[in-house]
Amino acid sequence: MNRPAGATLHAIVLAAGASSRFGSPKQLVRYEGQSLLQRVIASATELAGAAVTVVLGAHAAEITATLSAGSASVLINRDWQQGIASSIRVGVARLPGACDGVLMLLADQPLVTPVRLNRLAAAWRRSPRGIVASRYGAVTGVPAIFPRWCFGDLAALRGDEGARTLLRRYADHVTRLSHPEAAIDIDYPEDLLELRG
């Protein structure tokens, strides 16, 4: 794991939602032998090593029980019902002081791979003051890496404002990498059936 001095990356997996549209905790739904959450943790760990934090909220006890010890640090967002911004704030508040950038990931993008995450990280390390985001279709979104100067903005997000708000606000600072797999997210049971099909 080559981490040049001054380019310390931490990963935050946002997994606090109630999965109301799915009907059960989608974080625990299995795809190709792993839960959706285990898949994204494994990909993040391959990139960031032990510097991976998962933010849980709804069903936290049930989900935590399925995670292998030491696979990632777990934070509980007691205000998860306020929306995704509350989970971002919880994660950013606990970033270590030596952290130069944060990779934001969602638990419900099952086709995101370590190879793609490494491409994002490599682009960020070449220009660590910039933002590096995934591009899929007409969307610029997560997975995305935000440098330290964005941490205050991330901590100021409210409600259902996700990290995409910053990608629009600082569009001139964003490097966009093609990442078609990130377009696949699981919101409804039909999405999973389609993926398995």
C-alpha atoms as a PDB file:
ATOM      1  CA  MET A   1       0.000   0.000   0.000  1.00  0.00           C
ATOM      2  CA  ASN A   2       1.857   3.072  -1.274  1.00  0.00           C
ATOM      3  CA  ARG A   3       0.848   6.126   0.690  1.00  0.00           C
ATOM      4  CA  PRO A   4       3.099   9.053  -0.182  1.00  0.00           C
ATOM      5  CA  ALA A   5       3.785  11.396   2.719  1.00  0.00           C
ATOM      6  CA  GLY A   6       1.128  14.082   2.965  1.00  0.00           C
ATOM      7  CA  ALA A   7      -1.594  12.120   1.195  1.00  0.00           C
ATOM      8  CA  THR A   8      -3.384  10.264   3.985  1.00  0.00           C
ATOM      9  CA  LEU A   9      -6.800   9.030   2.900  1.00  0.00           C
ATOM     10  CA  HIS A  10      -9.648   7.883   5.139  1.00  0.00           C
ATOM     11  CA  ALA A  11     -12.840   6.188   3.896  1.00  0.00           C
ATOM     12  CA  ILE A  12     -16.337   6.775   5.290  1.00  0.00           C
ATOM     13  CA  VAL A  13     -19.107   4.334   4.356  1.00  0.00           C
ATOM     14  CA  LEU A  14     -22.561   5.872   4.800  1.00  0.00           C
ATOM     15  CA  ALA A  15     -24.950   3.109   5.867  1.00  0.00           C
ATOM     16  CA  ALA A  16     -27.358   4.659   8.385  1.00  0.00           C
ATOM     17  CA  GLY A  17     -30.606   4.712   6.406  1.00  0.00           C
ATOM     18  CA  ALA A  18     -33.717   2.727   7.287  1.00  0.00           C
ATOM     19  CA  SER A  19     -34.106   1.201   3.781  1.00  0.00           C
ATOM     20  CA  SER A  20     -37.812   2.067   3.883  1.00  0.00           C
ATOM     21  CA  ARG A  21     -38.204   1.684   0.111  1.00  0.00           C
ATOM     22  CA  PHE A  22     -36.481  -1.691   0.211  1.00  0.00           C
ATOM     23  CA  GLY A  23     -38.618  -3.014   3.085  1.00  0.00           C
ATOM     24  CA  SER A  24     -35.774  -4.516   5.168  1.00  0.00           C
ATOM     25  CA  PRO A  25     -32.201  -3.450   6.001  1.00  0.00           C
ATOM     26  CA  LYS A  26     -30.610  -3.472   2.538  1.00  0.00           C
ATOM     27  CA  GLN A  27     -27.177  -3.200   4.155  1.00  0.00           C
ATOM     28  CA  LEU A  28     -27.636  -6.901   5.057  1.00  0.00           C
ATOM     29  CA  VAL A  29     -28.906  -8.094   1.669  1.00  0.00           C
ATOM     30  CA  ARG A  30     -26.521 -10.611   0.157  1.00  0.00           C
ATOM     31  CA  TYR A  31     -25.025 -10.349  -3.293  1.00  0.00           C
ATOM     32  CA  GLU A  32     -22.401 -12.798  -4.542  1.00  0.00           C
ATOM     33  CA  GLY A  33     -21.814 -14.251  -1.084  1.00  0.00           C
ATOM     34  CA  GLN A  34     -21.484 -11.029   0.911  1.00  0.00           C
ATOM     35  CA  SER A  35     -23.854  -8.450   2.335  1.00  0.00           C
ATOM     36  CA  LEU A  36     -23.938  -5.152   0.456  1.00  0.00           C
ATOM     37  CA  LEU A  37     -22.214  -3.488   3.426  1.00  0.00           C
ATOM     38  CA  GLN A  38     -19.496  -6.150   3.660  1.00  0.00           C
ATOM     39  CA  ARG A  39     -18.784  -5.705  -0.067  1.00  0.00           C
ATOM     40  CA  VAL A  40     -18.227  -1.965   0.197  1.00  0.00           C
ATOM     41  CA  ILE A  41     -16.161  -2.316   3.395  1.00  0.00           C
ATOM     42  CA  ALA A  42     -13.949  -4.888   1.659  1.00  0.00           C
ATOM     43  CA  SER A  43     -13.403  -2.562  -1.314  1.00  0.00           C
ATOM     44  CA  ALA A  44     -12.680   0.422   0.945  1.00  0.00           C
ATOM     45  CA  THR A  45     -10.289  -1.618   3.106  1.00  0.00           C
ATOM     46  CA  GLU A  46      -8.313  -2.735   0.078  1.00  0.00           C
ATOM     47  CA  LEU A  47      -7.692   0.950  -0.627  1.00  0.00           C
ATOM     48  CA  ALA A  48      -7.455   2.553   2.817  1.00  0.00           C
ATOM     49  CA  GLY A  49      -6.424  -0.325   5.090  1.00  0.00           C
ATOM     50  CA  ALA A  50      -7.575   0.224   8.673  1.00  0.00           C
ATOM     51  CA  ALA A  51      -8.654   3.804   7.891  1.00  0.00           C
ATOM     52  CA  VAL A  52     -12.277   2.837   7.177  1.00  0.00           C
ATOM     53  CA  THR A  53     -15.262   4.056   9.195  1.00  0.00           C
ATOM     54  CA  VAL A  54     -18.869   2.901   8.786  1.00  0.00           C
ATOM     55  CA  VAL A  55     -21.669   5.198   9.929  1.00  0.00           C
ATOM     56  CA  LEU A  56     -24.745   3.229  11.034  1.00  0.00           C
ATOM     57  CA  GLY A  57     -28.104   4.441  12.290  1.00  0.00           C
ATOM     58  CA  ALA A  58     -31.325   2.476  11.720  1.00  0.00           C
ATOM     59  CA  HIS A  59     -30.941  -1.239  12.601  1.00  0.00           C
ATOM     60  CA  ALA A  60     -27.445  -0.469  13.957  1.00  0.00           C
ATOM     61  CA  ALA A  61     -27.311  -3.340  16.467  1.00  0.00           C
ATOM     62  CA  GLU A  62     -28.502  -5.894  13.917  1.00  0.00           C
ATOM     63  CA  ILE A  63     -26.026  -4.685  11.291  1.00  0.00           C
ATOM     64  CA  THR A  64     -23.058  -4.384  13.670  1.00  0.00           C
ATOM     65  CA  ALA A  65     -23.550  -8.011  14.708  1.00  0.00           C
ATOM     66  CA  THR A  66     -22.857  -9.110  11.113  1.00  0.00           C
ATOM     67  CA  LEU A  67     -19.537  -7.269  10.770  1.00  0.00           C
ATOM     68  CA  SER A  68     -16.337  -9.146  11.468  1.00  0.00           C
ATOM     69  CA  ALA A  69     -14.249  -7.696  14.286  1.00  0.00           C
ATOM     70  CA  GLY A  70     -11.760  -5.131  13.093  1.00  0.00           C
ATOM     71  CA  SER A  71     -13.180  -4.885   9.570  1.00  0.00           C
ATOM     72  CA  ALA A  72     -13.942  -1.174  10.084  1.00  0.00           C
ATOM     73  CA  SER A  73     -14.541   1.364  12.837  1.00  0.00           C
ATOM     74  CA  VAL A  74     -18.252   1.771  13.511  1.00  0.00           C
ATOM     75  CA  LEU A  75     -19.921   5.060  14.435  1.00  0.00           C
ATOM     76  CA  ILE A  76     -23.595   5.323  15.367  1.00  0.00           C
ATOM     77  CA  ASN A  77     -25.579   8.276  14.063  1.00  0.00           C
ATOM     78  CA  ARG A  78     -28.387   8.775  16.592  1.00  0.00           C
ATOM     79  CA  ASP A  79     -29.924  11.437  14.323  1.00  0.00           C
ATOM     80  CA  TRP A  80     -30.026   9.279  11.174  1.00  0.00           C
ATOM     81  CA  GLN A  81     -33.677  10.247  10.568  1.00  0.00           C
ATOM     82  CA  GLN A  82     -32.512  13.801   9.797  1.00  0.00           C
ATOM     83  CA  GLY A  83     -31.055  12.562   6.504  1.00  0.00           C
ATOM     84  CA  ILE A  84     -27.736  11.669   4.936  1.00  0.00           C
ATOM     85  CA  ALA A  85     -26.088  14.964   5.935  1.00  0.00           C
ATOM     86  CA  SER A  86     -26.252  13.937   9.600  1.00  0.00           C
ATOM     87  CA  SER A  87     -24.237  10.783   8.812  1.00  0.00           C
ATOM     88  CA  ILE A  88     -21.667  12.785   6.863  1.00  0.00           C
ATOM     89  CA  ARG A  89     -21.294  15.125   9.851  1.00  0.00           C
ATOM     90  CA  VAL A  90     -20.818  12.203  12.272  1.00  0.00           C
ATOM     91  CA  GLY A  91     -18.140  10.666  10.062  1.00  0.00           C
ATOM     92  CA  VAL A  92     -16.260  13.897   9.328  1.00  0.00           C
ATOM     93  CA  ALA A  93     -16.253  14.901  13.020  1.00  0.00           C
ATOM     94  CA  ARG A  94     -14.226  11.773  13.834  1.00  0.00           C
ATOM     95  CA  LEU A  95     -11.643  12.022  11.057  1.00  0.00           C
ATOM     96  CA  PRO A  96      -8.094  11.925  12.449  1.00  0.00           C
ATOM     97  CA  GLY A  97      -6.102  15.148  12.493  1.00  0.00           C
ATOM     98  CA  ALA A  98      -3.543  13.740  10.040  1.00  0.00           C
ATOM     99  CA  CYS A  99      -6.196  13.001   7.415  1.00  0.00           C
ATOM    100  CA  ASP A 100      -5.659  14.822   4.087  1.00  0.00           C
ATOM    101  CA  GLY A 101      -8.674  13.493   2.238  1.00  0.00           C
ATOM    102  CA  VAL A 102     -11.859  11.525   2.745  1.00  0.00           C
ATOM    103  CA  LEU A 103     -13.410   8.995   0.388  1.00  0.00           C
ATOM    104  CA  MET A 104     -17.215   9.011   0.693  1.00  0.00           C
ATOM    105  CA  LEU A 105     -18.966   5.733  -0.160  1.00  0.00           C
ATOM    106  CA  LEU A 106     -22.529   4.439  -0.023  1.00  0.00           C
ATOM    107  CA  ALA A 107     -23.441   0.969   1.196  1.00  0.00           C
ATOM    108  CA  ASP A 108     -25.846   0.312  -1.672  1.00  0.00           C
ATOM    109  CA  GLN A 109     -23.562   0.512  -4.742  1.00  0.00           C
ATOM    110  CA  PRO A 110     -22.635  -3.193  -5.006  1.00  0.00           C
ATOM    111  CA  LEU A 111     -20.609  -3.016  -8.229  1.00  0.00           C
ATOM    112  CA  VAL A 112     -18.055  -0.477  -6.985  1.00  0.00           C
ATOM    113  CA  THR A 113     -14.712  -2.298  -6.981  1.00  0.00           C
ATOM    114  CA  PRO A 114     -11.275  -1.736  -5.431  1.00  0.00           C
ATOM    115  CA  VAL A 115      -9.902  -1.177  -8.952  1.00  0.00           C
ATOM    116  CA  ARG A 116     -12.227   1.798  -9.493  1.00  0.00           C
ATOM    117  CA  LEU A 117     -11.549   3.180  -6.013  1.00  0.00           C
ATOM    118  CA  ASN A 118      -7.817   2.929  -6.632  1.00  0.00           C
ATOM    119  CA  ARG A 119      -8.244   4.949  -9.831  1.00  0.00           C
ATOM    120  CA  LEU A 120     -10.024   7.676  -7.840  1.00  0.00           C
ATOM    121  CA  ALA A 121      -7.288   7.625  -5.195  1.00  0.00           C
ATOM    122  CA  ALA A 122      -4.485   7.725  -7.762  1.00  0.00           C
ATOM    123  CA  ALA A 123      -6.057  10.784  -9.429  1.00  0.00           C
ATOM    124  CA  TRP A 124      -6.460  12.481  -6.041  1.00  0.00           C
ATOM    125  CA  ARG A 125      -2.858  11.765  -5.015  1.00  0.00           C
ATOM    126  CA  ARG A 126      -1.658  13.428  -8.217  1.00  0.00           C
ATOM    127  CA  SER A 127      -3.603  16.551  -7.217  1.00  0.00           C
ATOM    128  CA  PRO A 128      -4.462  16.277  -3.492  1.00  0.00           C
ATOM    129  CA  ARG A 129      -5.962  19.779  -3.256  1.00  0.00           C
ATOM    130  CA  GLY A 130      -8.678  18.841  -5.739  1.00  0.00           C
ATOM    131  CA  ILE A 131     -11.896  16.850  -5.474  1.00  0.00           C
ATOM    132  CA  VAL A 132     -12.145  13.580  -7.427  1.00  0.00           C
ATOM    133  CA  ALA A 133     -15.614  12.196  -8.161  1.00  0.00           C
ATOM    134  CA  SER A 134     -17.282   9.396 -10.071  1.00  0.00           C
ATOM    135  CA  ARG A 135     -19.113  10.161 -13.307  1.00  0.00           C
ATOM    136  CA  TYR A 136     -21.959   7.891 -14.400  1.00  0.00           C
ATOM    137  CA  GLY A 137     -24.412   8.942 -17.079  1.00  0.00           C
ATOM    138  CA  ALA A 138     -25.203  12.616 -16.496  1.00  0.00           C
ATOM    139  CA  VAL A 139     -24.368  12.314 -12.781  1.00  0.00           C
ATOM    140  CA  THR A 140     -21.237  13.409 -10.930  1.00  0.00           C
ATOM    141  CA  GLY A 141     -21.394  11.739  -7.533  1.00  0.00           C
ATOM    142  CA  VAL A 142     -19.974   9.302  -5.020  1.00  0.00           C
ATOM    143  CA  PRO A 143     -17.723   7.469  -4.565  1.00  0.00           C
ATOM    144  CA  ALA A 144     -15.808  10.738  -4.337  1.00  0.00           C
ATOM    145  CA  ILE A 145     -12.721  12.013  -2.537  1.00  0.00           C
ATOM    146  CA  PHE A 146     -12.772  15.375  -0.785  1.00  0.00           C
ATOM    147  CA  PRO A 147      -9.578  17.105   0.387  1.00  0.00           C
ATOM    148  CA  ARG A 148      -9.204  18.585   3.865  1.00  0.00           C
ATOM    149  CA  TRP A 149     -10.349  22.075   2.806  1.00  0.00           C
ATOM    150  CA  CYS A 150     -13.808  20.569   2.137  1.00  0.00           C
ATOM    151  CA  PHE A 151     -14.219  19.080   5.616  1.00  0.00           C
ATOM    152  CA  GLY A 152     -15.865  22.241   7.010  1.00  0.00           C
ATOM    153  CA  ASP A 153     -18.363  22.267   4.135  1.00  0.00           C
ATOM    154  CA  LEU A 154     -19.125  18.570   4.642  1.00  0.00           C
ATOM    155  CA  ALA A 155     -19.686  19.210   8.367  1.00  0.00           C
ATOM    156  CA  ALA A 156     -22.107  22.033   7.523  1.00  0.00           C
ATOM    157  CA  LEU A 157     -24.443  19.928   5.334  1.00  0.00           C
ATOM    158  CA  ARG A 158     -28.020  19.575   6.584  1.00  0.00           C
ATOM    159  CA  GLY A 159     -31.015  17.319   5.915  1.00  0.00           C
ATOM    160  CA  ASP A 160     -30.899  15.223   2.758  1.00  0.00           C
ATOM    161  CA  GLU A 161     -28.073  17.298   1.289  1.00  0.00           C
ATOM    162  CA  GLY A 162     -25.432  14.772   0.376  1.00  0.00           C
ATOM    163  CA  ALA A 163     -21.872  15.249  -0.787  1.00  0.00           C
ATOM    164  CA  ARG A 164     -23.168  15.957  -4.302  1.00  0.00           C
ATOM    165  CA  THR A 165     -24.009  19.464  -3.065  1.00  0.00           C
ATOM    166  CA  LEU A 166     -20.268  20.164  -2.771  1.00  0.00           C
ATOM    167  CA  LEU A 167     -19.567  18.629  -6.161  1.00  0.00           C
ATOM    168  CA  ARG A 168     -21.898  21.237  -7.674  1.00  0.00           C
ATOM    169  CA  ARG A 169     -20.658  24.100  -5.480  1.00  0.00           C
ATOM    170  CA  TYR A 170     -17.000  23.468  -6.315  1.00  0.00           C
ATOM    171  CA  ALA A 171     -17.504  22.146  -9.849  1.00  0.00           C
ATOM    172  CA  ASP A 172     -14.347  23.919 -11.069  1.00  0.00           C
ATOM    173  CA  HIS A 173     -12.247  21.923  -8.579  1.00  0.00           C
ATOM    174  CA  VAL A 174     -13.675  18.501  -9.494  1.00  0.00           C
ATOM    175  CA  THR A 175     -11.890  15.863 -11.560  1.00  0.00           C
ATOM    176  CA  ARG A 176     -14.524  13.475 -12.928  1.00  0.00           C
ATOM    177  CA  LEU A 177     -13.611   9.860 -13.657  1.00  0.00           C
ATOM    178  CA  SER A 178     -15.878   7.549 -15.622  1.00  0.00           C
ATOM    179  CA  HIS A 179     -17.356   5.011 -13.187  1.00  0.00           C
ATOM    180  CA  PRO A 180     -20.407   3.371 -14.819  1.00  0.00           C
ATOM    181  CA  GLU A 181     -20.674   0.707 -12.094  1.00  0.00           C
ATOM    182  CA  ALA A 182     -21.542   3.403  -9.552  1.00  0.00           C
ATOM    183  CA  ALA A 183     -24.820   4.008 -11.399  1.00  0.00           C
ATOM    184  CA  ILE A 184     -26.153   0.730  -9.970  1.00  0.00           C
ATOM    185  CA  ASP A 185     -27.666   1.283  -6.558  1.00  0.00           C
ATOM    186  CA  ILE A 186     -30.148  -0.820  -4.639  1.00  0.00           C
ATOM    187  CA  ASP A 187     -33.258   1.050  -3.510  1.00  0.00           C
ATOM    188  CA  TYR A 188     -36.013  -1.497  -4.196  1.00  0.00           C
ATOM    189  CA  PRO A 189     -36.158  -5.320  -4.150  1.00  0.00           C
ATOM    190  CA  GLU A 190     -36.619  -5.161  -7.943  1.00  0.00           C
ATOM    191  CA  ASP A 191     -33.191  -3.498  -8.256  1.00  0.00           C
ATOM    192  CA  LEU A 192     -31.596  -6.509  -6.586  1.00  0.00           C
ATOM    193  CA  LEU A 193     -33.534  -8.989  -8.730  1.00  0.00           C
ATOM    194  CA  GLU A 194     -32.412  -7.124 -11.844  1.00  0.00           C
ATOM    195  CA  LEU A 195     -28.791  -7.160 -10.675  1.00  0.00           C
ATOM    196  CA  ARG A 196     -28.888 -10.880  -9.907  1.00  0.00           C
ATOM    197  CA  GLY A 197     -30.618 -11.546 -13.219  1.00  0.00           C
END
